[in-house]
Amino acid sequence: MSIYEKLSKVQLALMKRDIRKTGFNKFKKYHYHTLDDLMPHCLEECHKEGLTFFFNFRNNEAIIRLHDWEAPVESITCGLPFPELVLPDDDAKNKNNIIVQDMGAAVTYLKRYLLIDLFDISEGELIDSDLNDASSAKNTKNESSAKKKSESKKEPETVRELNLQELLDKALTKLQKKGLTHEEITAYAVKKCIEKMDKFNKKELAIIYDFVNEYYKVGASK
């Protein structure tokens, strides 16, 4: 019996099996076979026919290769391109861990699809876009994180009541304590010193800058 005949017998046997779908795609709202759902059935039916399959990942391609015990030189191969992984943003912690986790998720998905392809297992649902679920979920997470960062950076529309003279006096005192004389203290140094005193929004900083500039314009000696 050729390897193709044996494969056909495995495909027919799997077709008759009631393989549970324990996976759920929350983005597309449907159930699907996970790798854990498929693997035991595929291994069992292949073992009955004297077949062994294994996976290989290299050169940006995922491969499943089916071998016949009685004719080791005979094999059937199916392949899929390995999806491009999205690198973490610059602010992400443990970047290497994130990349490895994403790679592991991609490998799991590819193994599932390779089994489905080789043994012609019907999912009963449209799964074309599901191959990119791992990267889609990560993109969604990154977008959500970017949105939160963007929202956190939004300046409040209201301006607090500021005691500008008090801020100026505090800045002058601090700079003088650092050894600078009154003549050596510049408007730029005062602005930078005040910036460090509190988290001012853009509108508040504009008011502070104008006040400091006016102070030095009319004469800092007054």
N, C-alpha and C. Protein backbone atom coordinates (compact mmCIF):
# COMPACT_ATOMS: atom_id res chain seq x y z
N MET A 1 0.85 -1.20 0.00
CA MET A 1 0.00 0.00 0.00
C MET A 1 0.88 1.24 0.00
N SER A 2 0.62 2.17 -0.90
CA SER A 2 1.44 3.37 -1.00
C SER A 2 1.11 4.35 0.13
N ILE A 3 1.99 5.32 0.29
CA ILE A 3 1.78 6.32 1.32
C ILE A 3 0.52 7.14 1.06
N TYR A 4 0.19 7.30 -0.23
CA TYR A 4 -1.00 8.07 -0.58
C TYR A 4 -2.28 7.33 -0.21
N GLU A 5 -2.27 6.02 -0.37
CA GLU A 5 -3.42 5.21 0.04
C GLU A 5 -3.60 5.27 1.56
N LYS A 6 -2.49 5.20 2.27
CA LYS A 6 -2.55 5.27 3.72
C LYS A 6 -3.06 6.64 4.19
N LEU A 7 -2.59 7.68 3.53
CA LEU A 7 -3.06 9.02 3.86
C LEU A 7 -4.55 9.14 3.63
N SER A 8 -5.02 8.56 2.53
CA SER A 8 -6.45 8.61 2.22
C SER A 8 -7.26 7.91 3.30
N LYS A 9 -6.76 6.80 3.82
CA LYS A 9 -7.46 6.06 4.87
C LYS A 9 -7.51 6.90 6.16
N VAL A 10 -6.41 7.59 6.44
CA VAL A 10 -6.39 8.45 7.63
C VAL A 10 -7.39 9.60 7.48
N GLN A 11 -7.44 10.19 6.30
CA GLN A 11 -8.36 11.30 6.06
C GLN A 11 -9.81 10.85 6.23
N LEU A 12 -10.15 9.67 5.70
CA LEU A 12 -11.52 9.14 5.83
C LEU A 12 -11.86 8.84 7.29
N ALA A 13 -10.88 8.29 8.02
CA ALA A 13 -11.10 7.96 9.42
C ALA A 13 -11.33 9.22 10.25
N LEU A 14 -10.56 10.27 9.97
CA LEU A 14 -10.71 11.53 10.70
C LEU A 14 -12.03 12.21 10.36
N MET A 15 -12.48 12.04 9.12
CA MET A 15 -13.74 12.62 8.69
C MET A 15 -14.91 12.03 9.48
N LYS A 16 -14.79 10.75 9.84
CA LYS A 16 -15.87 10.07 10.56
C LYS A 16 -15.83 10.35 12.07
N ARG A 17 -14.73 10.90 12.54
CA ARG A 17 -14.60 11.17 13.97
C ARG A 17 -15.31 12.46 14.35
N ASP A 18 -15.85 12.47 15.54
CA ASP A 18 -16.47 13.67 16.08
C ASP A 18 -15.43 14.40 16.93
N ILE A 19 -14.68 15.26 16.27
CA ILE A 19 -13.59 15.98 16.95
C ILE A 19 -14.15 17.29 17.51
N ARG A 20 -14.06 17.41 18.81
CA ARG A 20 -14.62 18.60 19.48
C ARG A 20 -13.86 19.86 19.10
N LYS A 21 -14.57 20.98 19.10
CA LYS A 21 -13.95 22.28 18.88
C LYS A 21 -13.98 23.05 20.19
N THR A 22 -12.83 23.10 20.84
CA THR A 22 -12.77 23.79 22.13
C THR A 22 -12.27 25.22 22.02
N GLY A 23 -11.79 25.58 20.83
CA GLY A 23 -11.31 26.95 20.65
C GLY A 23 -12.43 27.90 20.26
N PHE A 24 -12.27 29.18 20.64
CA PHE A 24 -13.28 30.18 20.27
C PHE A 24 -12.58 31.46 19.83
N ASN A 25 -12.88 31.89 18.62
CA ASN A 25 -12.31 33.12 18.08
C ASN A 25 -13.21 34.28 18.49
N LYS A 26 -12.75 35.07 19.46
CA LYS A 26 -13.58 36.15 19.99
C LYS A 26 -13.70 37.32 19.01
N PHE A 27 -12.79 37.38 18.03
CA PHE A 27 -12.86 38.46 17.04
C PHE A 27 -13.89 38.14 15.96
N LYS A 28 -13.91 36.89 15.50
CA LYS A 28 -14.82 36.47 14.43
C LYS A 28 -16.05 35.74 14.95
N LYS A 29 -16.06 35.45 16.27
CA LYS A 29 -17.22 34.83 16.92
C LYS A 29 -17.54 33.44 16.35
N TYR A 30 -16.57 32.54 16.37
CA TYR A 30 -16.86 31.17 15.98
C TYR A 30 -15.92 30.21 16.70
N HIS A 31 -16.34 28.95 16.78
CA HIS A 31 -15.54 27.90 17.41
C HIS A 31 -14.64 27.23 16.37
N TYR A 32 -13.49 26.74 16.83
CA TYR A 32 -12.56 26.08 15.91
C TYR A 32 -11.79 24.99 16.66
N HIS A 33 -11.14 24.12 15.88
CA HIS A 33 -10.32 23.06 16.46
C HIS A 33 -8.98 23.64 16.91
N THR A 34 -8.62 23.41 18.15
CA THR A 34 -7.29 23.80 18.62
C THR A 34 -6.30 22.69 18.27
N LEU A 35 -5.02 22.98 18.46
CA LEU A 35 -4.00 21.97 18.21
C LEU A 35 -4.21 20.76 19.12
N ASP A 36 -4.58 21.03 20.37
CA ASP A 36 -4.83 19.93 21.31
C ASP A 36 -6.04 19.08 20.91
N ASP A 37 -7.00 19.71 20.22
CA ASP A 37 -8.16 18.94 19.74
C ASP A 37 -7.74 17.97 18.63
N LEU A 38 -6.89 18.43 17.75
CA LEU A 38 -6.55 17.67 16.54
C LEU A 38 -5.45 16.63 16.75
N MET A 39 -4.43 16.99 17.52
CA MET A 39 -3.24 16.16 17.60
C MET A 39 -3.50 14.72 18.02
N PRO A 40 -4.24 14.45 19.08
CA PRO A 40 -4.43 13.05 19.49
C PRO A 40 -5.10 12.19 18.41
N HIS A 41 -6.10 12.75 17.72
CA HIS A 41 -6.81 12.00 16.67
C HIS A 41 -5.89 11.72 15.49
N CYS A 42 -5.12 12.74 15.09
CA CYS A 42 -4.22 12.56 13.95
C CYS A 42 -3.12 11.54 14.26
N LEU A 43 -2.56 11.63 15.46
CA LEU A 43 -1.52 10.69 15.85
C LEU A 43 -2.04 9.25 15.90
N GLU A 44 -3.22 9.08 16.45
CA GLU A 44 -3.79 7.74 16.58
C GLU A 44 -4.07 7.11 15.22
N GLU A 45 -4.69 7.85 14.31
CA GLU A 45 -5.02 7.30 12.99
C GLU A 45 -3.77 7.05 12.16
N CYS A 46 -2.77 7.92 12.29
CA CYS A 46 -1.51 7.70 11.56
C CYS A 46 -0.80 6.46 12.09
N HIS A 47 -0.85 6.27 13.39
CA HIS A 47 -0.19 5.11 13.98
C HIS A 47 -0.82 3.82 13.47
N LYS A 48 -2.12 3.82 13.30
CA LYS A 48 -2.82 2.64 12.79
C LYS A 48 -2.32 2.27 11.39
N GLU A 49 -1.98 3.27 10.61
CA GLU A 49 -1.57 3.03 9.22
C GLU A 49 -0.06 2.99 9.05
N GLY A 50 0.69 3.07 10.14
CA GLY A 50 2.14 3.00 10.02
C GLY A 50 2.73 4.28 9.45
N LEU A 51 2.18 5.41 9.85
CA LEU A 51 2.64 6.70 9.35
C LEU A 51 3.13 7.57 10.52
N THR A 52 4.08 8.42 10.23
CA THR A 52 4.60 9.38 11.21
C THR A 52 4.69 10.75 10.56
N PHE A 53 4.29 11.78 11.27
CA PHE A 53 4.44 13.13 10.74
C PHE A 53 5.24 13.97 11.74
N PHE A 54 5.96 14.93 11.19
CA PHE A 54 6.67 15.86 12.07
C PHE A 54 6.70 17.23 11.40
N PHE A 55 6.94 18.26 12.23
CA PHE A 55 6.93 19.64 11.77
C PHE A 55 8.35 20.17 11.68
N ASN A 56 8.51 21.13 10.79
CA ASN A 56 9.81 21.77 10.62
C ASN A 56 9.57 23.24 10.32
N PHE A 57 10.38 24.11 10.93
CA PHE A 57 10.25 25.55 10.71
C PHE A 57 11.61 26.11 10.33
N ARG A 58 11.72 26.55 9.08
CA ARG A 58 12.97 27.12 8.61
C ARG A 58 12.72 27.96 7.37
N ASN A 59 13.63 28.93 7.16
CA ASN A 59 13.56 29.78 5.97
C ASN A 59 12.18 30.42 5.80
N ASN A 60 11.64 30.91 6.93
CA ASN A 60 10.34 31.60 6.91
C ASN A 60 9.21 30.72 6.40
N GLU A 61 9.33 29.42 6.60
CA GLU A 61 8.29 28.50 6.15
C GLU A 61 8.04 27.43 7.22
N ALA A 62 6.78 27.08 7.39
CA ALA A 62 6.39 26.00 8.30
C ALA A 62 6.02 24.78 7.45
N ILE A 63 6.56 23.62 7.82
CA ILE A 63 6.38 22.42 7.01
C ILE A 63 5.91 21.26 7.88
N ILE A 64 4.99 20.46 7.34
CA ILE A 64 4.65 19.18 7.94
C ILE A 64 5.00 18.10 6.92
N ARG A 65 5.71 17.06 7.39
CA ARG A 65 6.16 16.00 6.49
C ARG A 65 5.66 14.65 7.02
N LEU A 66 4.96 13.92 6.14
CA LEU A 66 4.39 12.61 6.49
C LEU A 66 5.27 11.51 5.92
N HIS A 67 5.72 10.57 6.80
CA HIS A 67 6.60 9.47 6.38
C HIS A 67 5.91 8.13 6.58
N ASP A 68 6.24 7.20 5.70
CA ASP A 68 5.72 5.82 5.75
C ASP A 68 6.77 4.94 6.43
N TRP A 69 6.37 4.20 7.46
CA TRP A 69 7.31 3.33 8.16
C TRP A 69 7.90 2.27 7.23
N GLU A 70 7.09 1.76 6.31
CA GLU A 70 7.53 0.67 5.45
C GLU A 70 8.37 1.16 4.28
N ALA A 71 8.27 2.43 3.98
CA ALA A 71 9.05 3.00 2.88
C ALA A 71 9.55 4.38 3.32
N PRO A 72 10.58 4.43 4.14
CA PRO A 72 11.06 5.68 4.72
C PRO A 72 11.40 6.77 3.71
N VAL A 73 11.74 6.36 2.48
CA VAL A 73 12.12 7.37 1.49
C VAL A 73 10.90 8.09 0.94
N GLU A 74 9.70 7.51 1.14
CA GLU A 74 8.49 8.15 0.66
C GLU A 74 7.97 9.14 1.70
N SER A 75 7.57 10.28 1.22
CA SER A 75 7.02 11.29 2.13
C SER A 75 6.08 12.22 1.38
N ILE A 76 5.20 12.83 2.14
CA ILE A 76 4.28 13.85 1.61
C ILE A 76 4.49 15.11 2.44
N THR A 77 4.63 16.23 1.76
CA THR A 77 4.95 17.48 2.45
C THR A 77 3.94 18.57 2.14
N CYS A 78 3.57 19.31 3.17
CA CYS A 78 2.73 20.51 3.02
C CYS A 78 3.43 21.66 3.73
N GLY A 79 3.30 22.86 3.20
CA GLY A 79 3.98 24.00 3.82
C GLY A 79 3.14 25.26 3.82
N LEU A 80 3.47 26.14 4.74
CA LEU A 80 2.81 27.44 4.84
C LEU A 80 3.87 28.49 5.17
N PRO A 81 3.71 29.72 4.70
CA PRO A 81 4.69 30.76 5.05
C PRO A 81 4.56 31.15 6.51
N PHE A 82 5.69 31.40 7.14
CA PHE A 82 5.68 31.83 8.54
C PHE A 82 5.31 33.31 8.57
N PRO A 83 4.29 33.70 9.36
CA PRO A 83 3.85 35.09 9.37
C PRO A 83 4.92 36.01 9.94
N GLU A 84 4.93 37.25 9.47
CA GLU A 84 5.89 38.23 9.97
C GLU A 84 5.49 38.65 11.38
N LEU A 85 6.44 38.60 12.29
CA LEU A 85 6.16 38.97 13.68
C LEU A 85 6.31 40.48 13.85
N VAL A 86 5.42 41.08 14.63
CA VAL A 86 5.46 42.51 14.89
C VAL A 86 6.34 42.76 16.10
N LEU A 87 7.39 43.57 15.91
CA LEU A 87 8.31 43.84 17.00
C LEU A 87 7.65 44.73 18.04
N PRO A 88 7.99 44.54 19.32
CA PRO A 88 7.41 45.37 20.37
C PRO A 88 7.82 46.82 20.20
N ASP A 89 7.00 47.75 20.73
CA ASP A 89 7.35 49.16 20.64
C ASP A 89 8.53 49.45 21.57
N ASP A 90 9.09 50.65 21.44
CA ASP A 90 10.31 51.00 22.16
C ASP A 90 10.12 51.00 23.67
N ASP A 91 8.89 51.24 24.13
CA ASP A 91 8.63 51.34 25.56
C ASP A 91 8.32 49.98 26.20
N ALA A 92 8.21 48.94 25.38
CA ALA A 92 7.83 47.63 25.90
C ALA A 92 8.96 47.04 26.76
N LYS A 93 8.54 46.35 27.84
CA LYS A 93 9.50 45.69 28.70
C LYS A 93 9.63 44.23 28.28
N ASN A 94 10.81 43.65 28.55
CA ASN A 94 11.06 42.23 28.22
C ASN A 94 10.77 41.95 26.74
N LYS A 95 11.38 42.71 25.85
CA LYS A 95 11.11 42.56 24.42
C LYS A 95 11.39 41.15 23.92
N ASN A 96 12.48 40.55 24.40
CA ASN A 96 12.81 39.20 23.95
C ASN A 96 11.72 38.21 24.33
N ASN A 97 11.17 38.35 25.53
CA ASN A 97 10.10 37.45 25.96
C ASN A 97 8.86 37.61 25.09
N ILE A 98 8.55 38.86 24.74
CA ILE A 98 7.39 39.12 23.90
C ILE A 98 7.55 38.48 22.53
N ILE A 99 8.75 38.61 21.95
CA ILE A 99 9.01 38.03 20.63
C ILE A 99 8.90 36.52 20.67
N VAL A 100 9.49 35.90 21.72
CA VAL A 100 9.44 34.44 21.85
C VAL A 100 8.00 33.97 22.03
N GLN A 101 7.22 34.69 22.83
CA GLN A 101 5.82 34.32 23.05
C GLN A 101 5.02 34.42 21.76
N ASP A 102 5.26 35.48 20.99
CA ASP A 102 4.56 35.64 19.71
C ASP A 102 4.96 34.54 18.74
N MET A 103 6.23 34.17 18.75
CA MET A 103 6.70 33.09 17.88
C MET A 103 6.05 31.77 18.27
N GLY A 104 5.95 31.52 19.58
CA GLY A 104 5.31 30.30 20.05
C GLY A 104 3.85 30.23 19.63
N ALA A 105 3.15 31.39 19.73
CA ALA A 105 1.74 31.43 19.33
C ALA A 105 1.61 31.16 17.83
N ALA A 106 2.53 31.74 17.03
CA ALA A 106 2.49 31.52 15.58
C ALA A 106 2.75 30.07 15.24
N VAL A 107 3.71 29.44 15.93
CA VAL A 107 4.02 28.02 15.68
C VAL A 107 2.81 27.15 15.97
N THR A 108 2.12 27.42 17.08
CA THR A 108 0.93 26.65 17.43
C THR A 108 -0.14 26.77 16.36
N TYR A 109 -0.40 27.99 15.89
CA TYR A 109 -1.40 28.18 14.85
C TYR A 109 -1.01 27.48 13.55
N LEU A 110 0.26 27.58 13.19
CA LEU A 110 0.72 26.97 11.94
C LEU A 110 0.63 25.45 12.01
N LYS A 111 0.96 24.86 13.13
CA LYS A 111 0.83 23.41 13.28
C LYS A 111 -0.62 22.99 13.07
N ARG A 112 -1.53 23.75 13.64
CA ARG A 112 -2.96 23.44 13.49
C ARG A 112 -3.37 23.48 12.03
N TYR A 113 -2.95 24.50 11.32
CA TYR A 113 -3.35 24.63 9.92
C TYR A 113 -2.68 23.59 9.03
N LEU A 114 -1.46 23.21 9.38
CA LEU A 114 -0.78 22.18 8.60
C LEU A 114 -1.48 20.83 8.75
N LEU A 115 -1.94 20.53 9.97
CA LEU A 115 -2.71 19.30 10.18
C LEU A 115 -4.02 19.34 9.39
N ILE A 116 -4.68 20.49 9.44
CA ILE A 116 -5.94 20.64 8.71
C ILE A 116 -5.73 20.48 7.21
N ASP A 117 -4.61 21.01 6.72
CA ASP A 117 -4.30 20.94 5.29
C ASP A 117 -3.94 19.52 4.86
N LEU A 118 -3.04 18.89 5.61
CA LEU A 118 -2.56 17.56 5.23
C LEU A 118 -3.66 16.51 5.31
N PHE A 119 -4.45 16.55 6.36
CA PHE A 119 -5.47 15.51 6.57
C PHE A 119 -6.87 15.95 6.14
N ASP A 120 -6.92 17.11 5.48
CA ASP A 120 -8.17 17.60 4.87
C ASP A 120 -9.31 17.62 5.91
N ILE A 121 -9.03 18.21 7.05
CA ILE A 121 -10.01 18.29 8.14
C ILE A 121 -10.90 19.51 7.93
N SER A 122 -12.18 19.30 7.93
CA SER A 122 -13.11 20.40 7.71
C SER A 122 -13.36 21.15 9.01
N GLU A 123 -13.20 22.46 8.97
CA GLU A 123 -13.49 23.29 10.14
C GLU A 123 -14.95 23.69 10.19
N GLY A 124 -15.60 23.75 9.04
CA GLY A 124 -17.00 24.14 9.02
C GLY A 124 -17.20 25.62 9.21
N GLU A 125 -16.10 26.39 9.26
CA GLU A 125 -16.17 27.84 9.41
C GLU A 125 -15.12 28.47 8.50
N LEU A 126 -15.29 29.74 8.21
CA LEU A 126 -14.29 30.46 7.45
C LEU A 126 -13.12 30.75 8.37
N ILE A 127 -11.91 30.33 7.98
CA ILE A 127 -10.76 30.50 8.86
C ILE A 127 -9.62 31.24 8.15
N ASP A 128 -9.90 31.87 7.03
CA ASP A 128 -8.84 32.50 6.26
C ASP A 128 -8.07 33.53 7.08
N SER A 129 -8.79 34.35 7.82
CA SER A 129 -8.13 35.43 8.55
C SER A 129 -7.62 34.99 9.90
N ASP A 130 -7.96 33.80 10.33
CA ASP A 130 -7.59 33.35 11.67
C ASP A 130 -6.10 33.08 11.79
N LEU A 131 -5.41 32.86 10.66
CA LEU A 131 -3.99 32.57 10.69
C LEU A 131 -3.22 33.70 11.34
N ASN A 132 -3.76 34.92 11.22
CA ASN A 132 -3.07 36.08 11.77
C ASN A 132 -3.64 36.51 13.11
N ASP A 133 -4.40 35.63 13.77
CA ASP A 133 -5.01 35.99 15.05
C ASP A 133 -3.98 36.42 16.08
N ALA A 134 -2.84 35.69 16.10
CA ALA A 134 -1.83 36.01 17.11
C ALA A 134 -1.32 37.43 16.91
N SER A 135 -0.96 37.77 15.65
CA SER A 135 -0.47 39.11 15.39
C SER A 135 -1.58 40.14 15.49
N SER A 136 -2.83 39.75 15.13
CA SER A 136 -3.96 40.67 15.23
C SER A 136 -4.22 41.03 16.68
N ALA A 137 -4.16 40.01 17.55
CA ALA A 137 -4.37 40.26 18.97
C ALA A 137 -3.29 41.18 19.52
N LYS A 138 -2.05 40.95 19.06
CA LYS A 138 -0.95 41.78 19.53
C LYS A 138 -1.10 43.20 19.02
N ASN A 139 -1.51 43.36 17.73
CA ASN A 139 -1.72 44.68 17.18
C ASN A 139 -2.79 45.42 17.95
N THR A 140 -3.88 44.68 18.29
CA THR A 140 -4.97 45.29 19.05
C THR A 140 -4.45 45.76 20.40
N LYS A 141 -3.62 44.91 21.02
CA LYS A 141 -3.06 45.26 22.32
C LYS A 141 -2.17 46.49 22.20
N ASN A 142 -1.33 46.52 21.14
CA ASN A 142 -0.44 47.67 20.94
C ASN A 142 -1.22 48.94 20.67
N GLU A 143 -2.31 48.82 19.86
CA GLU A 143 -3.13 49.98 19.56
C GLU A 143 -3.79 50.51 20.82
N SER A 144 -4.26 49.56 21.66
CA SER A 144 -4.89 49.96 22.91
C SER A 144 -3.89 50.66 23.82
N SER A 145 -2.66 50.08 23.86
CA SER A 145 -1.61 50.67 24.69
C SER A 145 -1.22 52.05 24.18
N ALA A 146 -1.12 52.17 22.83
CA ALA A 146 -0.77 53.46 22.24
C ALA A 146 -1.86 54.49 22.50
N LYS A 147 -3.12 54.03 22.45
CA LYS A 147 -4.25 54.93 22.70
C LYS A 147 -4.21 55.45 24.12
N LYS A 148 -3.92 54.53 25.08
CA LYS A 148 -3.86 54.93 26.48
C LYS A 148 -2.73 55.93 26.69
N LYS A 149 -1.57 55.66 26.04
CA LYS A 149 -0.44 56.58 26.18
C LYS A 149 -0.79 57.94 25.61
N SER A 150 -1.47 57.91 24.45
CA SER A 150 -1.86 59.16 23.81
C SER A 150 -2.82 59.95 24.68
N GLU A 151 -3.78 59.21 25.28
CA GLU A 151 -4.74 59.88 26.14
C GLU A 151 -4.08 60.43 27.39
N SER A 152 -3.09 59.68 27.90
CA SER A 152 -2.41 60.12 29.11
C SER A 152 -1.57 61.36 28.85
N LYS A 153 -1.16 61.56 27.57
CA LYS A 153 -0.34 62.70 27.23
C LYS A 153 -1.16 63.92 26.85
N LYS A 154 -2.47 63.76 26.74
CA LYS A 154 -3.32 64.90 26.40
C LYS A 154 -3.28 65.92 27.52
N GLU A 155 -3.05 67.16 27.16
CA GLU A 155 -3.00 68.20 28.17
C GLU A 155 -4.41 68.61 28.57
N PRO A 156 -4.63 68.87 29.85
CA PRO A 156 -5.95 69.32 30.27
C PRO A 156 -6.27 70.67 29.64
N GLU A 157 -7.51 70.88 29.34
CA GLU A 157 -7.93 72.11 28.66
C GLU A 157 -7.94 73.30 29.62
N THR A 158 -8.14 73.05 30.90
CA THR A 158 -8.21 74.14 31.87
C THR A 158 -6.83 74.52 32.36
N VAL A 159 -6.69 75.78 32.79
CA VAL A 159 -5.42 76.28 33.32
C VAL A 159 -5.60 76.57 34.81
N ARG A 160 -4.72 76.01 35.61
CA ARG A 160 -4.80 76.23 37.05
C ARG A 160 -4.44 77.67 37.39
N GLU A 161 -4.88 78.10 38.54
CA GLU A 161 -4.51 79.43 39.02
C GLU A 161 -3.07 79.37 39.52
N LEU A 162 -2.19 80.10 38.88
CA LEU A 162 -0.77 80.04 39.18
C LEU A 162 -0.30 81.30 39.89
N ASN A 163 0.51 81.12 40.91
CA ASN A 163 1.15 82.25 41.57
C ASN A 163 2.50 82.46 40.89
N LEU A 164 2.48 83.23 39.82
CA LEU A 164 3.66 83.37 38.97
C LEU A 164 4.84 83.99 39.71
N GLN A 165 4.56 84.98 40.53
CA GLN A 165 5.65 85.63 41.26
C GLN A 165 6.31 84.67 42.24
N GLU A 166 5.48 83.85 42.89
CA GLU A 166 6.02 82.88 43.82
C GLU A 166 6.89 81.84 43.10
N LEU A 167 6.45 81.39 41.93
CA LEU A 167 7.24 80.44 41.14
C LEU A 167 8.57 81.06 40.73
N LEU A 168 8.52 82.31 40.33
CA LEU A 168 9.74 83.00 39.93
C LEU A 168 10.71 83.13 41.10
N ASP A 169 10.19 83.54 42.26
CA ASP A 169 11.04 83.72 43.44
C ASP A 169 11.68 82.40 43.85
N LYS A 170 10.89 81.31 43.82
CA LYS A 170 11.43 79.99 44.19
C LYS A 170 12.54 79.58 43.24
N ALA A 171 12.34 79.83 41.94
CA ALA A 171 13.36 79.47 40.95
C ALA A 171 14.63 80.28 41.17
N LEU A 172 14.50 81.56 41.43
CA LEU A 172 15.68 82.41 41.66
C LEU A 172 16.43 81.95 42.90
N THR A 173 15.68 81.59 43.95
CA THR A 173 16.31 81.13 45.19
C THR A 173 17.09 79.84 44.97
N LYS A 174 16.47 78.90 44.25
CA LYS A 174 17.14 77.62 43.99
C LYS A 174 18.41 77.81 43.17
N LEU A 175 18.33 78.66 42.17
CA LEU A 175 19.49 78.88 41.32
C LEU A 175 20.61 79.59 42.08
N GLN A 176 20.24 80.49 42.96
CA GLN A 176 21.24 81.19 43.77
C GLN A 176 21.92 80.23 44.74
N LYS A 177 21.15 79.26 45.27
CA LYS A 177 21.72 78.27 46.18
C LYS A 177 22.74 77.38 45.46
N LYS A 178 22.59 77.28 44.12
CA LYS A 178 23.54 76.49 43.33
C LYS A 178 24.82 77.26 43.05
N GLY A 179 24.88 78.54 43.51
CA GLY A 179 26.11 79.32 43.35
C GLY A 179 26.06 80.37 42.28
N LEU A 180 24.90 80.50 41.61
CA LEU A 180 24.77 81.50 40.56
C LEU A 180 24.42 82.85 41.16
N THR A 181 25.04 83.89 40.63
CA THR A 181 24.70 85.24 41.08
C THR A 181 23.46 85.71 40.34
N HIS A 182 22.85 86.78 40.83
CA HIS A 182 21.64 87.31 40.22
C HIS A 182 21.89 87.69 38.76
N GLU A 183 23.10 88.19 38.49
CA GLU A 183 23.42 88.61 37.12
C GLU A 183 23.65 87.39 36.21
N GLU A 184 24.06 86.27 36.79
CA GLU A 184 24.36 85.07 35.98
C GLU A 184 23.11 84.26 35.65
N ILE A 185 22.04 84.51 36.37
CA ILE A 185 20.80 83.73 36.15
C ILE A 185 20.08 84.28 34.93
N THR A 186 19.83 83.41 33.95
CA THR A 186 19.15 83.80 32.71
C THR A 186 17.68 83.40 32.75
N ALA A 187 16.92 83.96 31.82
CA ALA A 187 15.50 83.62 31.71
C ALA A 187 15.34 82.14 31.39
N TYR A 188 16.23 81.60 30.58
CA TYR A 188 16.17 80.18 30.21
C TYR A 188 16.33 79.30 31.44
N ALA A 189 17.32 79.65 32.29
CA ALA A 189 17.57 78.87 33.50
C ALA A 189 16.37 78.91 34.44
N VAL A 190 15.73 80.06 34.53
CA VAL A 190 14.56 80.21 35.39
C VAL A 190 13.41 79.34 34.88
N LYS A 191 13.19 79.36 33.57
CA LYS A 191 12.10 78.56 32.98
C LYS A 191 12.32 77.07 33.25
N LYS A 192 13.54 76.61 33.03
CA LYS A 192 13.84 75.20 33.24
C LYS A 192 13.67 74.80 34.70
N CYS A 193 14.05 75.69 35.58
CA CYS A 193 13.92 75.43 37.01
C CYS A 193 12.45 75.33 37.41
N ILE A 194 11.62 76.21 36.88
CA ILE A 194 10.19 76.20 37.19
C ILE A 194 9.53 74.94 36.62
N GLU A 195 9.95 74.52 35.43
CA GLU A 195 9.38 73.32 34.81
C GLU A 195 9.51 72.09 35.71
N LYS A 196 10.58 72.04 36.48
CA LYS A 196 10.83 70.88 37.33
C LYS A 196 10.03 70.91 38.62
N MET A 197 9.37 72.02 38.90
CA MET A 197 8.63 72.16 40.15
C MET A 197 7.30 71.42 40.14
N ASP A 198 6.72 71.27 38.95
CA ASP A 198 5.38 70.66 38.86
C ASP A 198 5.16 70.18 37.43
N LYS A 199 4.07 69.43 37.23
CA LYS A 199 3.70 68.99 35.88
C LYS A 199 2.76 70.02 35.27
N PHE A 200 3.34 70.97 34.59
CA PHE A 200 2.56 72.02 33.95
C PHE A 200 2.14 71.57 32.55
N ASN A 201 0.92 71.92 32.14
CA ASN A 201 0.53 71.63 30.77
C ASN A 201 1.02 72.74 29.85
N LYS A 202 0.80 72.60 28.58
CA LYS A 202 1.36 73.53 27.59
C LYS A 202 0.85 74.96 27.79
N LYS A 203 -0.42 75.07 28.10
CA LYS A 203 -0.99 76.41 28.29
C LYS A 203 -0.39 77.10 29.51
N GLU A 204 -0.22 76.31 30.58
CA GLU A 204 0.36 76.86 31.80
C GLU A 204 1.82 77.27 31.57
N LEU A 205 2.56 76.43 30.84
CA LEU A 205 3.95 76.77 30.55
C LEU A 205 4.06 78.04 29.70
N ALA A 206 3.12 78.21 28.78
CA ALA A 206 3.13 79.41 27.94
C ALA A 206 2.95 80.67 28.80
N ILE A 207 2.06 80.59 29.78
CA ILE A 207 1.83 81.73 30.68
C ILE A 207 3.07 82.00 31.51
N ILE A 208 3.69 80.91 32.01
CA ILE A 208 4.91 81.07 32.83
C ILE A 208 6.04 81.66 32.00
N TYR A 209 6.22 81.18 30.77
CA TYR A 209 7.28 81.70 29.91
C TYR A 209 7.09 83.18 29.64
N ASP A 210 5.85 83.58 29.37
CA ASP A 210 5.57 85.00 29.10
C ASP A 210 5.90 85.87 30.31
N PHE A 211 5.56 85.36 31.49
CA PHE A 211 5.82 86.12 32.72
C PHE A 211 7.32 86.29 32.94
N VAL A 212 8.07 85.17 32.76
CA VAL A 212 9.52 85.22 32.95
C VAL A 212 10.16 86.12 31.91
N ASN A 213 9.72 86.00 30.67
CA ASN A 213 10.28 86.84 29.60
C ASN A 213 10.02 88.32 29.88
N GLU A 214 8.83 88.63 30.37
CA GLU A 214 8.48 90.02 30.68
C GLU A 214 9.33 90.54 31.85
N TYR A 215 9.57 89.66 32.81
CA TYR A 215 10.39 90.02 33.95
C TYR A 215 11.80 90.42 33.52
N TYR A 216 12.38 89.62 32.62
CA TYR A 216 13.74 89.92 32.15
C TYR A 216 13.75 91.05 31.13
N LYS A 217 12.61 91.25 30.51
CA LYS A 217 12.54 92.31 29.51
C LYS A 217 12.59 93.69 30.17
N VAL A 218 11.84 93.81 31.25
CA VAL A 218 11.77 95.11 31.93
C VAL A 218 12.95 95.30 32.87
N GLY A 219 13.68 94.19 33.12
CA GLY A 219 14.87 94.34 33.97
C GLY A 219 14.81 93.44 35.17
N ALA A 220 15.63 92.42 35.20
CA ALA A 220 15.63 91.47 36.28
C ALA A 220 16.11 92.07 37.59
N SER A 221 16.69 93.23 37.51
CA SER A 221 17.21 93.85 38.72
C SER A 221 16.12 94.48 39.57
N LYS A 222 14.95 94.67 39.00
CA LYS A 222 13.89 95.32 39.76
C LYS A 222 13.32 94.37 40.80
